[in-house]
PDB file of N, CA and C in Angstrom:
ATOM      1  N   UNK A   1     -13.990   9.181  15.843  1.00  0.00           N
ATOM      2  CA  UNK A   1     -14.866   9.973  16.791  1.00  0.00           C
ATOM      3  C   UNK A   1     -14.402  11.212  17.189  1.00  0.00           C
ATOM      4  N   UNK A   2     -12.831  11.425  17.466  1.00  0.00           N
ATOM      5  CA  UNK A   2     -12.197  12.528  17.902  1.00  0.00           C
ATOM      6  C   UNK A   2     -12.436  13.686  16.802  1.00  0.00           C
ATOM      7  N   UNK A   3     -12.226  13.244  15.464  1.00  0.00           N
ATOM      8  CA  UNK A   3     -12.504  14.131  14.497  1.00  0.00           C
ATOM      9  C   UNK A   3     -13.760  14.819  14.475  1.00  0.00           C
ATOM     10  N   UNK A   4     -14.995  13.984  14.929  1.00  0.00           N
ATOM     11  CA  UNK A   4     -16.332  14.430  14.866  1.00  0.00           C
ATOM     12  C   UNK A   4     -16.480  15.538  15.742  1.00  0.00           C
ATOM     13  N   UNK A   5     -15.845  15.481  16.945  1.00  0.00           N
ATOM     14  CA  UNK A   5     -15.811  16.301  17.959  1.00  0.00           C
ATOM     15  C   UNK A   5     -15.113  17.626  17.724  1.00  0.00           C
ATOM     16  N   UNK A   6     -13.909  17.478  17.040  1.00  0.00           N
ATOM     17  CA  UNK A   6     -12.991  18.587  16.792  1.00  0.00           C
ATOM     18  C   UNK A   6     -12.920  19.248  15.335  1.00  0.00           C
ATOM     19  N   UNK A   7     -13.180  18.193  14.396  1.00  0.00           N
ATOM     20  CA  UNK A   7     -13.289  18.539  12.828  1.00  0.00           C
ATOM     21  C   UNK A   7     -11.760  18.274  12.548  1.00  0.00           C
ATOM     22  N   UNK A   8     -11.405  18.780  11.375  1.00  0.00           N
ATOM     23  CA  UNK A   8     -10.111  18.664  10.977  1.00  0.00           C
ATOM     24  C   UNK A   8      -9.457  19.843  10.893  1.00  0.00           C
ATOM     25  N   UNK A   9      -8.148  19.960  11.311  1.00  0.00           N
ATOM     26  CA  UNK A   9      -7.362  21.141  11.354  1.00  0.00           C
ATOM     27  C   UNK A   9      -7.604  21.958  10.238  1.00  0.00           C
ATOM     28  N   UNK A  10      -7.771  23.386  10.527  1.00  0.00           N
ATOM     29  CA  UNK A  10      -7.848  24.226   9.370  1.00  0.00           C
ATOM     30  C   UNK A  10      -6.180  24.830   9.124  1.00  0.00           C
ATOM     31  N   UNK A  11      -6.105  25.672   8.135  1.00  0.00           N
ATOM     32  CA  UNK A  11      -4.960  26.201   7.813  1.00  0.00           C
ATOM     33  C   UNK A  11      -4.160  26.987   8.744  1.00  0.00           C
ATOM     34  N   UNK A  12      -4.965  27.682   9.792  1.00  0.00           N
ATOM     35  CA  UNK A  12      -4.219  28.293  10.750  1.00  0.00           C
ATOM     36  C   UNK A  12      -3.762  27.511  11.981  1.00  0.00           C
ATOM     37  N   UNK A  13      -4.329  26.511  12.123  1.00  0.00           N
ATOM     38  CA  UNK A  13      -3.987  25.462  13.029  1.00  0.00           C
ATOM     39  C   UNK A  13      -2.675  24.661  12.417  1.00  0.00           C
ATOM     40  N   UNK A  14      -2.617  24.340  11.410  1.00  0.00           N
ATOM     41  CA  UNK A  14      -1.453  23.516  10.813  1.00  0.00           C
ATOM     42  C   UNK A  14      -0.179  24.628  10.680  1.00  0.00           C
ATOM     43  N   UNK A  15      -0.482  25.833  10.309  1.00  0.00           N
ATOM     44  CA  UNK A  15       0.633  26.882  10.469  1.00  0.00           C
ATOM     45  C   UNK A  15       1.198  26.960  11.956  1.00  0.00           C
ATOM     46  N   UNK A  16       0.288  26.976  12.815  1.00  0.00           N
ATOM     47  CA  UNK A  16       0.688  27.012  14.237  1.00  0.00           C
ATOM     48  C   UNK A  16       1.516  25.664  14.480  1.00  0.00           C
ATOM     49  N   UNK A  17       1.080  24.629  14.283  1.00  0.00           N
ATOM     50  CA  UNK A  17       1.820  23.314  14.456  1.00  0.00           C
ATOM     51  C   UNK A  17       3.263  23.382  13.701  1.00  0.00           C
ATOM     52  N   UNK A  18       3.116  23.824  12.574  1.00  0.00           N
ATOM     53  CA  UNK A  18       4.576  24.052  11.787  1.00  0.00           C
ATOM     54  C   UNK A  18       5.580  25.022  12.625  1.00  0.00           C
ATOM     55  N   UNK A  19       4.953  26.226  12.984  1.00  0.00           N
ATOM     56  CA  UNK A  19       5.807  26.825  13.633  1.00  0.00           C
ATOM     57  C   UNK A  19       6.344  26.543  15.085  1.00  0.00           C
ATOM     58  N   UNK A  20       5.684  25.614  15.519  1.00  0.00           N
ATOM     59  CA  UNK A  20       6.052  25.134  16.849  1.00  0.00           C
ATOM     60  C   UNK A  20       7.344  23.885  16.602  1.00  0.00           C
ATOM     61  N   UNK A  21       6.804  23.352  15.714  1.00  0.00           N
ATOM     62  CA  UNK A  21       7.952  22.463  15.234  1.00  0.00           C
ATOM     63  C   UNK A  21       9.183  23.062  14.887  1.00  0.00           C
ATOM     64  N   UNK A  22       9.298  24.145  13.871  1.00  0.00           N
ATOM     65  CA  UNK A  22      10.194  25.093  13.629  1.00  0.00           C
ATOM     66  C   UNK A  22      11.063  25.758  14.740  1.00  0.00           C
ATOM     67  N   UNK A  23      10.412  26.142  16.044  1.00  0.00           N
ATOM     68  CA  UNK A  23      10.894  26.472  17.077  1.00  0.00           C
ATOM     69  C   UNK A  23      11.534  25.458  17.798  1.00  0.00           C
ATOM     70  N   UNK A  24      11.004  24.189  17.903  1.00  0.00           N
ATOM     71  CA  UNK A  24      11.546  23.152  18.828  1.00  0.00           C
ATOM     72  C   UNK A  24      12.801  22.727  18.112  1.00  0.00           C
ATOM     73  N   UNK A  25      12.664  22.290  17.008  1.00  0.00           N
ATOM     74  CA  UNK A  25      13.860  21.694  16.109  1.00  0.00           C
ATOM     75  C   UNK A  25      14.788  22.715  15.425  1.00  0.00           C
ATOM     76  N   UNK A  26      14.295  23.762  14.954  1.00  0.00           N
ATOM     77  CA  UNK A  26      15.364  24.677  14.502  1.00  0.00           C
ATOM     78  C   UNK A  26      15.273  24.589  12.871  1.00  0.00           C
ATOM     79  N   UNK A  27      15.623  25.628  12.219  1.00  0.00           N
ATOM     80  CA  UNK A  27      15.469  25.865  10.584  1.00  0.00           C
ATOM     81  C   UNK A  27      16.713  24.676  10.019  1.00  0.00           C
ATOM     82  N   UNK A  28      17.562  24.499  10.757  1.00  0.00           N
ATOM     83  CA  UNK A  28      18.955  23.543  10.319  1.00  0.00           C
ATOM     84  C   UNK A  28      18.495  22.122  10.329  1.00  0.00           C
ATOM     85  N   UNK A  29      17.723  21.658  11.406  1.00  0.00           N
ATOM     86  CA  UNK A  29      17.295  20.395  11.391  1.00  0.00           C
ATOM     87  C   UNK A  29      16.015  20.086  10.692  1.00  0.00           C
ATOM     88  N   UNK A  30      15.067  20.989  10.303  1.00  0.00           N
ATOM     89  CA  UNK A  30      14.024  20.417   9.399  1.00  0.00           C
ATOM     90  C   UNK A  30      14.227  19.723   8.307  1.00  0.00           C
ATOM     91  N   UNK A  31      15.279  20.011   7.489  1.00  0.00           N
ATOM     92  CA  UNK A  31      15.586  19.222   6.283  1.00  0.00           C
ATOM     93  C   UNK A  31      16.063  17.736   6.622  1.00  0.00           C
ATOM     94  N   UNK A  32      16.909  17.767   7.622  1.00  0.00           N
ATOM     95  CA  UNK A  32      17.254  16.414   8.128  1.00  0.00           C
ATOM     96  C   UNK A  32      16.162  15.494   8.818  1.00  0.00           C
ATOM     97  N   UNK A  33      15.299  16.135   9.263  1.00  0.00           N
ATOM     98  CA  UNK A  33      13.912  15.516   9.811  1.00  0.00           C
ATOM     99  C   UNK A  33      13.112  15.121   8.849  1.00  0.00           C
ATOM    100  N   UNK A  34      13.014  15.866   7.745  1.00  0.00           N
ATOM    101  CA  UNK A  34      12.076  15.535   6.797  1.00  0.00           C
ATOM    102  C   UNK A  34      12.763  14.228   5.781  1.00  0.00           C
ATOM    103  N   UNK A  35      14.098  14.487   5.683  1.00  0.00           N
ATOM    104  CA  UNK A  35      14.768  13.280   4.868  1.00  0.00           C
ATOM    105  C   UNK A  35      14.752  12.023   5.838  1.00  0.00           C
ATOM    106  N   UNK A  36      14.734  11.921   7.278  1.00  0.00           N
ATOM    107  CA  UNK A  36      14.803  10.603   8.015  1.00  0.00           C
ATOM    108  C   UNK A  36      13.392  10.275   7.788  1.00  0.00           C
ATOM    109  N   UNK A  37      12.232  11.265   8.058  1.00  0.00           N
ATOM    110  CA  UNK A  37      11.013  10.641   8.023  1.00  0.00           C
ATOM    111  C   UNK A  37      10.547  10.110   6.731  1.00  0.00           C
ATOM    112  N   UNK A  38      11.024  10.723   5.532  1.00  0.00           N
ATOM    113  CA  UNK A  38      10.762  10.064   3.984  1.00  0.00           C
ATOM    114  C   UNK A  38      11.725   8.434   3.952  1.00  0.00           C
ATOM    115  N   UNK A  39      12.761   8.615   4.516  1.00  0.00           N
ATOM    116  CA  UNK A  39      13.264   7.156   4.794  1.00  0.00           C
ATOM    117  C   UNK A  39      12.311   6.250   5.400  1.00  0.00           C
ATOM    118  N   UNK A  40      12.276   6.556   6.436  1.00  0.00           N
ATOM    119  CA  UNK A  40      11.500   5.569   7.521  1.00  0.00           C
ATOM    120  C   UNK A  40      10.065   5.189   6.909  1.00  0.00           C
ATOM    121  N   UNK A  41       9.476   6.156   6.113  1.00  0.00           N
ATOM    122  CA  UNK A  41       8.157   5.871   5.282  1.00  0.00           C
ATOM    123  C   UNK A  41       8.493   4.848   4.407  1.00  0.00           C
ATOM    124  N   UNK A  42       9.536   4.993   3.626  1.00  0.00           N
ATOM    125  CA  UNK A  42       9.864   4.152   2.416  1.00  0.00           C
ATOM    126  C   UNK A  42      10.234   2.763   3.168  1.00  0.00           C
ATOM    127  N   UNK A  43      10.967   2.747   4.260  1.00  0.00           N
ATOM    128  CA  UNK A  43      11.145   1.508   4.672  1.00  0.00           C
ATOM    129  C   UNK A  43      10.023   0.782   5.052  1.00  0.00           C
ATOM    130  N   UNK A  44       8.962   1.500   5.615  1.00  0.00           N
ATOM    131  CA  UNK A  44       7.736   0.763   6.243  1.00  0.00           C
ATOM    132  C   UNK A  44       7.108   0.265   5.174  1.00  0.00           C
ATOM    133  N   UNK A  45       7.000   1.235   4.160  1.00  0.00           N
ATOM    134  CA  UNK A  45       6.229   0.514   3.042  1.00  0.00           C
ATOM    135  C   UNK A  45       6.796  -0.684   2.396  1.00  0.00           C
ATOM    136  N   UNK A  46       8.269  -0.739   2.137  1.00  0.00           N
ATOM    137  CA  UNK A  46       8.783  -1.952   1.669  1.00  0.00           C
ATOM    138  C   UNK A  46       8.458  -3.131   2.612  1.00  0.00           C
ATOM    139  N   UNK A  47       8.647  -2.960   4.108  1.00  0.00           N
ATOM    140  CA  UNK A  47       8.341  -3.875   4.759  1.00  0.00           C
ATOM    141  C   UNK A  47       6.934  -4.567   4.650  1.00  0.00           C
ATOM    142  N   UNK A  48       6.130  -3.647   4.559  1.00  0.00           N
ATOM    143  CA  UNK A  48       4.670  -3.864   4.390  1.00  0.00           C
ATOM    144  C   UNK A  48       4.351  -4.763   3.036  1.00  0.00           C
ATOM    145  N   UNK A  49       5.097  -4.365   1.925  1.00  0.00           N
ATOM    146  CA  UNK A  49       5.013  -4.977   0.670  1.00  0.00           C
ATOM    147  C   UNK A  49       5.464  -6.374   0.784  1.00  0.00           C
ATOM    148  N   UNK A  50       6.561  -6.556   1.524  1.00  0.00           N
ATOM    149  CA  UNK A  50       7.203  -7.888   1.765  1.00  0.00           C
ATOM    150  C   UNK A  50       6.257  -8.769   2.634  1.00  0.00           C
ATOM    151  N   UNK A  51       5.589  -8.154   3.504  1.00  0.00           N
ATOM    152  CA  UNK A  51       4.639  -9.135   4.314  1.00  0.00           C
ATOM    153  C   UNK A  51       3.538  -9.423   3.706  1.00  0.00           C
ATOM    154  N   UNK A  52       3.187  -8.801   2.605  1.00  0.00           N
ATOM    155  CA  UNK A  52       1.730  -9.019   2.001  1.00  0.00           C
ATOM    156  C   UNK A  52       2.038 -10.147   1.084  1.00  0.00           C
ATOM    157  N   UNK A  53       3.247 -10.463   0.757  1.00  0.00           N
ATOM    158  CA  UNK A  53       3.764 -11.215  -0.354  1.00  0.00           C
ATOM    159  C   UNK A  53       3.377 -12.890   0.427  1.00  0.00           C
ATOM    160  N   UNK A  54       2.939 -13.724  -0.220  1.00  0.00           N
ATOM    161  CA  UNK A  54       2.880 -15.267   0.211  1.00  0.00           C
ATOM    162  C   UNK A  54       4.386 -15.860   0.400  1.00  0.00           C
ATOM    163  N   UNK A  55       4.167 -16.471   1.469  1.00  0.00           N
ATOM    164  CA  UNK A  55       5.696 -16.887   2.034  1.00  0.00           C
ATOM    165  C   UNK A  55       5.758 -18.175   1.235  1.00  0.00           C
ATOM    166  N   UNK A  56       7.156 -18.406   0.637  1.00  0.00           N
ATOM    167  CA  UNK A  56       7.585 -19.656  -0.147  1.00  0.00           C
ATOM    168  C   UNK A  56       8.064 -20.612   1.013  1.00  0.00           C
ATOM    169  N   UNK A  57       7.448 -21.782   0.926  1.00  0.00           N
ATOM    170  CA  UNK A  57       7.742 -22.817   1.752  1.00  0.00           C
ATOM    171  C   UNK A  57       9.039 -23.413   1.274  1.00  0.00           C
ATOM    172  N   UNK A  58       9.866 -24.214   2.003  1.00  0.00           N
ATOM    173  CA  UNK A  58      11.158 -24.762   1.454  1.00  0.00           C
ATOM    174  C   UNK A  58      10.836 -26.240   1.242  1.00  0.00           C
ATOM    175  N   UNK A  59       9.565 -26.710   1.339  1.00  0.00           N
ATOM    176  CA  UNK A  59       9.366 -28.084   1.150  1.00  0.00           C
ATOM    177  C   UNK A  59       9.429 -28.482  -0.611  1.00  0.00           C
ATOM    178  N   UNK A  60       8.916 -27.496  -1.374  1.00  0.00           N
ATOM    179  CA  UNK A  60       8.922 -27.678  -2.671  1.00  0.00           C
ATOM    180  C   UNK A  60      10.194 -27.555  -3.418  1.00  0.00           C
ATOM    181  N   UNK A  61      11.181 -26.941  -2.749  1.00  0.00           N
ATOM    182  CA  UNK A  61      12.660 -27.114  -3.189  1.00  0.00           C
ATOM    183  C   UNK A  61      13.391 -28.139  -2.670  1.00  0.00           C
ATOM    184  N   UNK A  62      13.150 -28.641  -1.529  1.00  0.00           N
ATOM    185  CA  UNK A  62      13.868 -29.641  -0.509  1.00  0.00           C
ATOM    186  C   UNK A  62      13.414 -30.858  -1.372  1.00  0.00           C
ATOM    187  N   UNK A  63      11.986 -31.055  -1.866  1.00  0.00           N
ATOM    188  CA  UNK A  63      11.782 -32.202  -2.425  1.00  0.00           C
ATOM    189  C   UNK A  63      12.357 -32.675  -3.723  1.00  0.00           C
ATOM    190  N   UNK A  64      12.693 -31.589  -4.441  1.00  0.00           N
ATOM    191  CA  UNK A  64      13.541 -32.001  -5.755  1.00  0.00           C
ATOM    192  C   UNK A  64      14.890 -32.078  -5.439  1.00  0.00           C
ATOM    193  N   UNK A  65      15.671 -31.816  -4.375  1.00  0.00           N
ATOM    194  CA  UNK A  65      16.972 -31.946  -4.084  1.00  0.00           C
ATOM    195  C   UNK A  65      17.377 -33.332  -3.933  1.00  0.00           C
ATOM    196  N   UNK A  66      16.626 -34.121  -2.973  1.00  0.00           N
ATOM    197  CA  UNK A  66      16.899 -35.536  -2.787  1.00  0.00           C
ATOM    198  C   UNK A  66      16.800 -36.477  -4.037  1.00  0.00           C
ATOM    199  N   UNK A  67      15.851 -35.885  -4.934  1.00  0.00           N
ATOM    200  CA  UNK A  67      15.865 -36.940  -6.212  1.00  0.00           C
ATOM    201  C   UNK A  67      17.043 -36.752  -6.870  1.00  0.00           C
ATOM    202  N   UNK A  68      17.549 -35.525  -7.021  1.00  0.00           N
ATOM    203  CA  UNK A  68      18.921 -35.260  -7.724  1.00  0.00           C
ATOM    204  C   UNK A  68      19.924 -36.051  -7.077  1.00  0.00           C
ATOM    205  N   UNK A  69      20.022 -36.096  -5.855  1.00  0.00           N
ATOM    206  CA  UNK A  69      21.082 -36.758  -5.237  1.00  0.00           C
ATOM    207  C   UNK A  69      21.094 -38.324  -5.406  1.00  0.00           C
ATOM    208  N   UNK A  70      19.695 -38.751  -5.428  1.00  0.00           N
ATOM    209  CA  UNK A  70      19.496 -40.346  -5.787  1.00  0.00           C
ATOM    210  C   UNK A  70      20.031 -40.611  -6.991  1.00  0.00           C
ATOM    211  N   UNK A  71      19.932 -39.888  -7.886  1.00  0.00           N
ATOM    212  CA  UNK A  71      20.271 -40.213  -9.389  1.00  0.00           C
ATOM    213  C   UNK A  71      21.847 -40.223  -9.421  1.00  0.00           C
ATOM    214  N   UNK A  72      22.594 -39.238  -8.566  1.00  0.00           N
ATOM    215  CA  UNK A  72      24.103 -39.303  -8.535  1.00  0.00           C
ATOM    216  C   UNK A  72      24.527 -40.549  -7.891  1.00  0.00           C
ATOM    217  N   UNK A  73      23.773 -40.940  -7.131  1.00  0.00           N
ATOM    218  CA  UNK A  73      24.162 -42.096  -6.243  1.00  0.00           C
ATOM    219  C   UNK A  73      24.159 -43.223  -7.096  1.00  0.00           C
ATOM    220  N   UNK A  74      23.307 -43.399  -8.010  1.00  0.00           N
ATOM    221  CA  UNK A  74      23.066 -44.603  -8.830  1.00  0.00           C
ATOM    222  C   UNK A  74      24.283 -44.775  -9.748  1.00  0.00           C
ATOM    223  N   UNK A  75      24.601 -46.077  -9.718  1.00  0.00           N
ATOM    224  CA  UNK A  75      25.587 -46.527 -10.786  1.00  0.00           C
ATOM    225  C   UNK A  75      25.023 -46.371 -12.276  1.00  0.00           C
ATOM    226  N   UNK A  76      25.809 -45.926 -13.074  1.00  0.00           N
ATOM    227  CA  UNK A  76      25.249 -45.829 -14.572  1.00  0.00           C
ATOM    228  C   UNK A  76      25.233 -47.265 -15.021  1.00  0.00           C
ATOM    229  N   UNK A  77      24.002 -47.392 -15.716  1.00  0.00           N
ATOM    230  CA  UNK A  77      23.514 -48.782 -16.182  1.00  0.00           C
ATOM    231  C   UNK A  77      24.278 -48.906 -17.603  1.00  0.00           C
ATOM    232  N   UNK A  78      24.967 -49.943 -18.058  1.00  0.00           N
ATOM    233  CA  UNK A  78      25.533 -50.302 -19.257  1.00  0.00           C
ATOM    234  C   UNK A  78      24.913 -51.236 -19.935  1.00  0.00           C
TER     235      UNK A  78
END
């Protein structure tokens, strides 16, 4: 709705925003800022992919374990 009122930013607006960021952070901090932004986006994507996976419940793994212990408790038949 806001983009319908104002439209998308043009090249001059983007250049102005970049210059303001350059003035605020300085030329030395921009590579570090971009690097940390890239890392945080990577972590966000990784976390999002992990949350999209179906969760594995521990019931199927636990149901097999008691059966194995029962076999160990039995005396060998001769």
